[in-house]
Amino acid sequence: MLKNVLIFSDLDGTLLDHHTYSFAPALPMLQKLRSANIPVIPNTSKTFAELTELTQQIGLDGPFIVENGAAVYIPIGYFAFQPKHTKSEKGFWVKEFSKSREFWLSLLAKLKEQYKGQFNHFSNMSTQEIVEATGLSIKAAKLAAAREYGEPILWLGSAKTKTKFITEIEKLGCSLLQGGRFLHLSGECDKGKALNWLTQQFQIERGIEGCISIALGDGQNDVAMLEVADIAIRILSPANLPPSLTKQPHVYTSQNYGPRGWAESLEQIIFNDTQFNA
């Protein structure tokens, strides 16, 4: 069973500590998964620029999903054949699910006057402002700003005005997802659609009918991924309540925060569960 397991993981607040961005508590589990040939696939709001650096630091060399499901990047040669409807770019086969960032910024601009002073967003923020809003280093903030498909919005107004803003922007054809710190503006893409598509590519590559997908996340922008996965693991966050799911079976909640909860949950579910080790 282990050879058919795929792990899709959010990063901020899940594999990475909410405050420090450290993944140190998860290192032994990452090595254990590598030894078992179980892919760990980042499925995150982060950018391609951030992921190419982070995956090297974490020790991951497989596919990853960026900007809340906007695109899937598969290293060229990772599969025997290039998946259909992908393009070759920057050493990856790329499957896009969203229009460009510029398109969504043009729609956001239509609401700027009406909601003046109520929000800020990455393309309008200096590197220092992004550092202050995220806690990232200057280098990491620059990578986070290099977005291709969507735009993080820092809400500054009231909750009531925020609800009105979301309604207005959705009327223009945008989608908004609430992350740990930001509203993420994009099109009709999400982490769940990207998970399903990539799972299908693994099944085609391996010639099997079904892979077992395990998804881990801590925020509302993880709900689509958690709902479609075979097994959903909600990681406790110091900043927000666990995401609410309609999915009933195979939903677990970690006992600890962030990467510690990430590692402990996978140890229990994958390596201590008889269905995987029969």
Protein backbone atom coordinates (compact mmCIF):
# COMPACT_ATOMS: atom_id res chain seq x y z
CA MET A 1 0.00 0.00 0.00
CA LEU A 2 2.83 2.42 0.77
CA LYS A 3 3.93 2.64 -2.86
CA ASN A 4 0.54 4.10 -3.83
CA VAL A 5 0.50 6.87 -1.19
CA LEU A 6 0.80 10.53 -2.21
CA ILE A 7 1.13 13.32 0.36
CA PHE A 8 -0.11 16.79 -0.54
CA SER A 9 0.94 19.37 2.01
CA ASP A 10 0.28 23.02 2.68
CA LEU A 11 3.41 24.84 3.81
CA ASP A 12 2.85 27.96 5.95
CA GLY A 13 1.50 26.86 9.33
CA THR A 14 1.56 23.20 8.30
CA LEU A 15 4.96 21.88 7.22
CA LEU A 16 6.45 25.27 8.14
CA ASP A 17 6.00 26.78 11.59
CA HIS A 18 3.50 29.65 11.60
CA HIS A 19 5.88 32.04 13.37
CA THR A 20 9.40 30.92 12.45
CA TYR A 21 8.85 29.14 9.09
CA SER A 22 11.04 26.31 10.39
CA PHE A 23 10.45 22.73 9.21
CA ALA A 24 13.05 21.23 11.58
CA PRO A 25 10.56 19.12 13.63
CA ALA A 26 9.44 17.41 10.41
CA LEU A 27 12.92 16.45 9.15
CA PRO A 28 12.97 12.87 10.55
CA MET A 29 9.54 12.19 9.01
CA LEU A 30 10.58 13.72 5.67
CA GLN A 31 13.55 11.33 5.61
CA LYS A 32 11.33 8.40 6.56
CA LEU A 33 8.93 9.21 3.71
CA ARG A 34 11.82 9.56 1.26
CA SER A 35 13.13 6.14 2.31
CA ALA A 36 9.64 4.70 1.71
CA ASN A 37 9.47 6.40 -1.74
CA ILE A 38 6.36 8.35 -0.73
CA PRO A 39 6.19 11.69 -2.59
CA VAL A 40 5.62 14.82 -0.52
CA ILE A 41 4.00 17.38 -2.82
CA PRO A 42 3.80 20.99 -1.63
CA ASN A 43 0.33 22.43 -2.35
CA THR A 44 0.61 26.03 -1.28
CA SER A 45 -0.18 29.70 -1.79
CA LYS A 46 3.54 30.29 -2.35
CA THR A 47 5.07 31.25 -5.69
CA PHE A 48 7.22 29.30 -8.13
CA ALA A 49 10.20 31.44 -7.08
CA GLU A 50 9.64 30.54 -3.42
CA LEU A 51 9.10 26.84 -4.13
CA THR A 52 12.21 26.30 -6.22
CA GLU A 53 14.30 27.49 -3.29
CA LEU A 54 12.22 25.92 -0.49
CA THR A 55 12.06 22.46 -2.07
CA GLN A 56 15.86 22.39 -2.22
CA GLN A 57 16.09 23.38 1.45
CA ILE A 58 13.51 20.78 2.49
CA GLY A 59 14.99 18.08 0.27
CA LEU A 60 12.08 17.59 -2.12
CA ASP A 61 12.73 16.97 -5.81
CA GLY A 62 9.27 16.14 -7.17
CA PRO A 63 6.20 18.06 -8.35
CA PHE A 64 4.69 21.02 -6.53
CA ILE A 65 1.55 23.14 -6.75
CA VAL A 66 1.76 26.93 -6.49
CA GLU A 67 -0.49 29.88 -5.71
CA ASN A 68 -3.48 27.95 -4.32
CA GLY A 69 -3.79 25.53 -7.22
CA ALA A 70 -3.09 28.01 -10.02
CA ALA A 71 -0.42 25.79 -11.59
CA VAL A 72 1.26 22.40 -11.17
CA TYR A 73 5.00 22.11 -11.83
CA ILE A 74 6.46 18.68 -12.63
CA PRO A 75 10.23 18.37 -13.18
CA ILE A 76 10.86 17.40 -16.80
CA GLY A 77 11.62 13.67 -16.87
CA TYR A 78 9.92 12.97 -13.52
CA PHE A 79 7.31 10.97 -15.44
CA ALA A 80 8.13 8.80 -18.46
CA PHE A 81 5.95 10.97 -20.71
CA GLN A 82 4.94 14.62 -20.65
CA PRO A 83 1.33 14.91 -19.38
CA LYS A 84 -1.24 16.16 -21.86
CA HIS A 85 -2.13 19.86 -21.87
CA THR A 86 1.11 20.94 -20.21
CA LYS A 87 3.82 23.27 -21.47
CA SER A 88 7.57 23.02 -20.98
CA GLU A 89 9.01 25.95 -19.05
CA LYS A 90 12.00 26.56 -16.73
CA GLY A 91 12.84 22.86 -16.60
CA PHE A 92 9.27 21.82 -15.70
CA TRP A 93 6.13 20.53 -17.33
CA VAL A 94 3.52 23.09 -16.30
CA LYS A 95 -0.23 22.64 -16.06
CA GLU A 96 -2.01 25.99 -15.63
CA PHE A 97 -5.45 26.37 -14.04
CA SER A 98 -5.60 30.18 -13.86
CA LYS A 99 -5.20 33.32 -15.95
CA SER A 100 -2.26 35.61 -15.30
CA ARG A 101 -1.79 37.88 -12.32
CA GLU A 102 -2.14 40.96 -14.55
CA PHE A 103 -5.70 39.95 -15.48
CA TRP A 104 -6.81 39.74 -11.84
CA LEU A 105 -5.03 43.00 -10.96
CA SER A 106 -7.00 44.77 -13.68
CA LEU A 107 -10.24 43.64 -12.01
CA LEU A 108 -9.00 44.57 -8.54
CA ALA A 109 -8.24 48.08 -9.81
CA LYS A 110 -11.95 48.61 -10.46
CA LEU A 111 -12.65 48.48 -6.71
CA LYS A 112 -9.69 50.51 -5.43
CA GLU A 113 -11.49 53.84 -5.28
CA GLN A 114 -14.61 52.39 -3.67
CA TYR A 115 -12.54 50.64 -0.95
CA LYS A 116 -9.77 53.20 -0.63
CA GLY A 117 -7.74 52.59 2.53
CA GLN A 118 -9.53 49.31 3.25
CA PHE A 119 -6.90 46.97 1.81
CA ASN A 120 -3.40 46.70 0.46
CA HIS A 121 -1.95 44.05 -1.85
CA PHE A 122 1.44 42.63 -2.80
CA SER A 123 2.01 44.45 -6.09
CA ASN A 124 1.26 47.72 -4.30
CA MET A 125 3.45 46.96 -1.28
CA SER A 126 7.14 47.61 -0.84
CA THR A 127 9.44 44.76 0.13
CA GLN A 128 9.62 46.19 3.64
CA GLU A 129 5.81 46.29 3.93
CA ILE A 130 5.65 42.63 2.89
CA VAL A 131 8.33 41.81 5.48
CA GLU A 132 6.30 43.54 8.20
CA ALA A 133 3.05 41.84 7.16
CA THR A 134 4.49 38.33 6.86
CA GLY A 135 7.54 38.10 9.11
CA LEU A 136 9.58 36.91 6.13
CA SER A 137 13.19 37.93 5.53
CA ILE A 138 13.86 40.53 2.85
CA LYS A 139 15.06 37.84 0.45
CA ALA A 140 12.01 35.63 1.12
CA ALA A 141 9.65 38.60 0.77
CA LYS A 142 11.03 39.34 -2.70
CA LEU A 143 10.43 35.74 -3.73
CA ALA A 144 6.89 35.88 -2.30
CA ALA A 145 6.18 39.01 -4.36
CA ALA A 146 7.13 37.26 -7.61
CA ARG A 147 3.62 36.07 -8.30
CA GLU A 148 2.43 34.87 -11.70
CA TYR A 149 -1.22 33.89 -11.26
CA GLY A 150 -2.85 35.58 -8.26
CA GLU A 151 -2.56 38.37 -5.73
CA PRO A 152 -2.50 38.29 -1.90
CA ILE A 153 -4.65 41.02 -0.34
CA LEU A 154 -4.01 42.36 3.15
CA TRP A 155 -7.39 43.42 4.54
CA LEU A 156 -7.28 46.56 6.70
CA GLY A 157 -10.98 47.38 7.11
CA SER A 158 -13.82 45.97 9.17
CA ALA A 159 -15.23 42.45 8.89
CA LYS A 160 -18.52 43.85 7.58
CA THR A 161 -16.80 45.82 4.82
CA LYS A 162 -14.67 42.79 4.01
CA THR A 163 -17.79 40.71 3.37
CA LYS A 164 -19.12 43.39 1.01
CA PHE A 165 -15.77 43.61 -0.78
CA ILE A 166 -15.68 39.83 -1.32
CA THR A 167 -19.18 39.92 -2.82
CA GLU A 168 -18.21 42.74 -5.19
CA ILE A 169 -14.96 41.17 -6.38
CA GLU A 170 -16.64 37.81 -6.96
CA LYS A 171 -19.23 39.53 -9.16
CA LEU A 172 -16.34 40.53 -11.41
CA GLY A 173 -15.42 36.87 -11.87
CA CYS A 174 -12.69 36.56 -9.25
CA SER A 175 -12.34 34.00 -6.49
CA LEU A 176 -11.05 34.83 -3.01
CA LEU A 177 -9.59 32.35 -0.55
CA GLN A 178 -8.82 33.21 3.07
CA GLY A 179 -5.34 32.08 3.97
CA GLY A 180 -3.55 32.35 7.28
CA ARG A 181 -2.73 36.04 6.80
CA PHE A 182 -4.10 37.14 3.43
CA LEU A 183 -7.06 36.96 1.10
CA HIS A 184 -5.81 35.27 -2.06
CA LEU A 185 -7.29 36.62 -5.30
CA SER A 186 -7.35 34.36 -8.36
CA GLY A 187 -9.64 32.59 -10.81
CA GLU A 188 -11.66 29.39 -10.55
CA CYS A 189 -8.73 27.29 -9.41
CA ASP A 190 -8.11 25.69 -6.06
CA LYS A 191 -5.82 23.24 -4.32
CA GLY A 192 -8.37 20.42 -4.70
CA LYS A 193 -8.57 20.61 -8.51
CA ALA A 194 -4.79 20.62 -8.75
CA LEU A 195 -4.56 17.63 -6.36
CA ASN A 196 -7.04 15.63 -8.44
CA TRP A 197 -5.26 16.38 -11.71
CA LEU A 198 -1.81 15.48 -10.38
CA THR A 199 -3.12 12.31 -8.72
CA GLN A 200 -4.47 11.24 -12.10
CA GLN A 201 -1.03 11.79 -13.66
CA PHE A 202 0.58 9.55 -11.02
CA GLN A 203 -2.03 6.87 -11.74
CA ILE A 204 -1.36 7.08 -15.49
CA GLU A 205 2.40 6.92 -14.90
CA ARG A 206 2.16 3.96 -12.53
CA GLY A 207 -0.55 2.11 -14.46
CA ILE A 208 -2.80 1.74 -11.45
CA GLU A 209 -6.45 2.56 -10.83
CA GLY A 210 -6.01 4.47 -7.61
CA CYS A 211 -3.46 6.26 -5.49
CA ILE A 212 -4.21 7.10 -1.86
CA SER A 213 -4.00 10.86 -1.40
CA ILE A 214 -3.29 12.31 2.04
CA ALA A 215 -3.69 16.07 2.41
CA LEU A 216 -2.48 18.23 5.30
CA GLY A 217 -3.45 21.86 5.91
CA ASP A 218 -4.29 24.41 8.57
CA GLY A 219 -6.30 27.16 6.83
CA GLN A 220 -9.48 27.88 4.92
CA ASN A 221 -7.57 27.96 1.64
CA ASP A 222 -6.79 24.27 2.29
CA VAL A 223 -10.44 23.19 2.45
CA ALA A 224 -10.76 22.20 -1.24
CA MET A 225 -7.64 20.04 -0.96
CA LEU A 226 -8.73 18.44 2.31
CA GLU A 227 -12.23 17.72 0.97
CA VAL A 228 -11.11 15.79 -2.13
CA ALA A 229 -8.22 13.86 -0.55
CA ASP A 230 -8.79 10.27 0.56
CA ILE A 231 -7.45 11.21 3.99
CA ALA A 232 -7.57 14.75 5.41
CA ILE A 233 -5.34 15.92 8.25
CA ARG A 234 -6.11 19.28 9.82
CA ILE A 235 -3.00 20.76 11.43
CA LEU A 236 -3.57 22.81 14.56
CA SER A 237 -2.68 26.49 14.20
CA PRO A 238 -1.86 29.10 16.86
CA ALA A 239 -3.54 31.70 14.65
CA ASN A 240 -6.86 30.18 13.59
CA LEU A 241 -9.32 27.36 14.22
CA PRO A 242 -9.01 24.14 12.18
CA PRO A 243 -10.78 24.46 8.82
CA SER A 244 -14.39 23.26 8.75
CA LEU A 245 -15.05 20.32 6.43
CA THR A 246 -18.22 18.70 5.12
CA LYS A 247 -16.19 15.52 4.50
CA GLN A 248 -16.94 13.02 7.28
CA PRO A 249 -14.84 9.85 6.98
CA HIS A 250 -11.05 9.84 7.26
CA VAL A 251 -10.65 13.30 8.78
CA TYR A 252 -8.02 13.72 11.48
CA THR A 253 -6.79 16.67 13.54
CA SER A 254 -3.23 16.91 14.80
CA GLN A 255 -2.42 17.09 18.49
CA ASN A 256 0.39 19.61 17.98
CA TYR A 257 0.97 22.74 15.95
CA GLY A 258 2.68 23.04 12.58
CA PRO A 259 5.52 20.71 11.57
CA ARG A 260 5.43 18.80 14.85
CA GLY A 261 1.75 17.99 14.33
CA TRP A 262 2.51 17.25 10.67
CA ALA A 263 5.12 14.64 11.53
CA GLU A 264 3.19 13.03 14.38
CA SER A 265 0.02 12.72 12.30
CA LEU A 266 1.79 11.01 9.40
CA GLU A 267 3.62 8.66 11.76
CA GLN A 268 0.30 7.55 13.22
CA ILE A 269 -1.67 7.29 9.98
CA ILE A 270 0.92 5.87 7.59
CA PHE A 271 3.35 3.90 9.69
CA ASN A 272 1.15 2.78 12.59
CA ASP A 273 -2.01 2.00 10.62
CA THR A 274 -2.58 -1.60 9.57
CA GLN A 275 -4.22 -0.64 6.25
CA PHE A 276 -0.86 0.72 5.04
CA ASN A 277 1.29 -1.96 6.61
CA ALA A 278 -0.67 -5.14 6.02
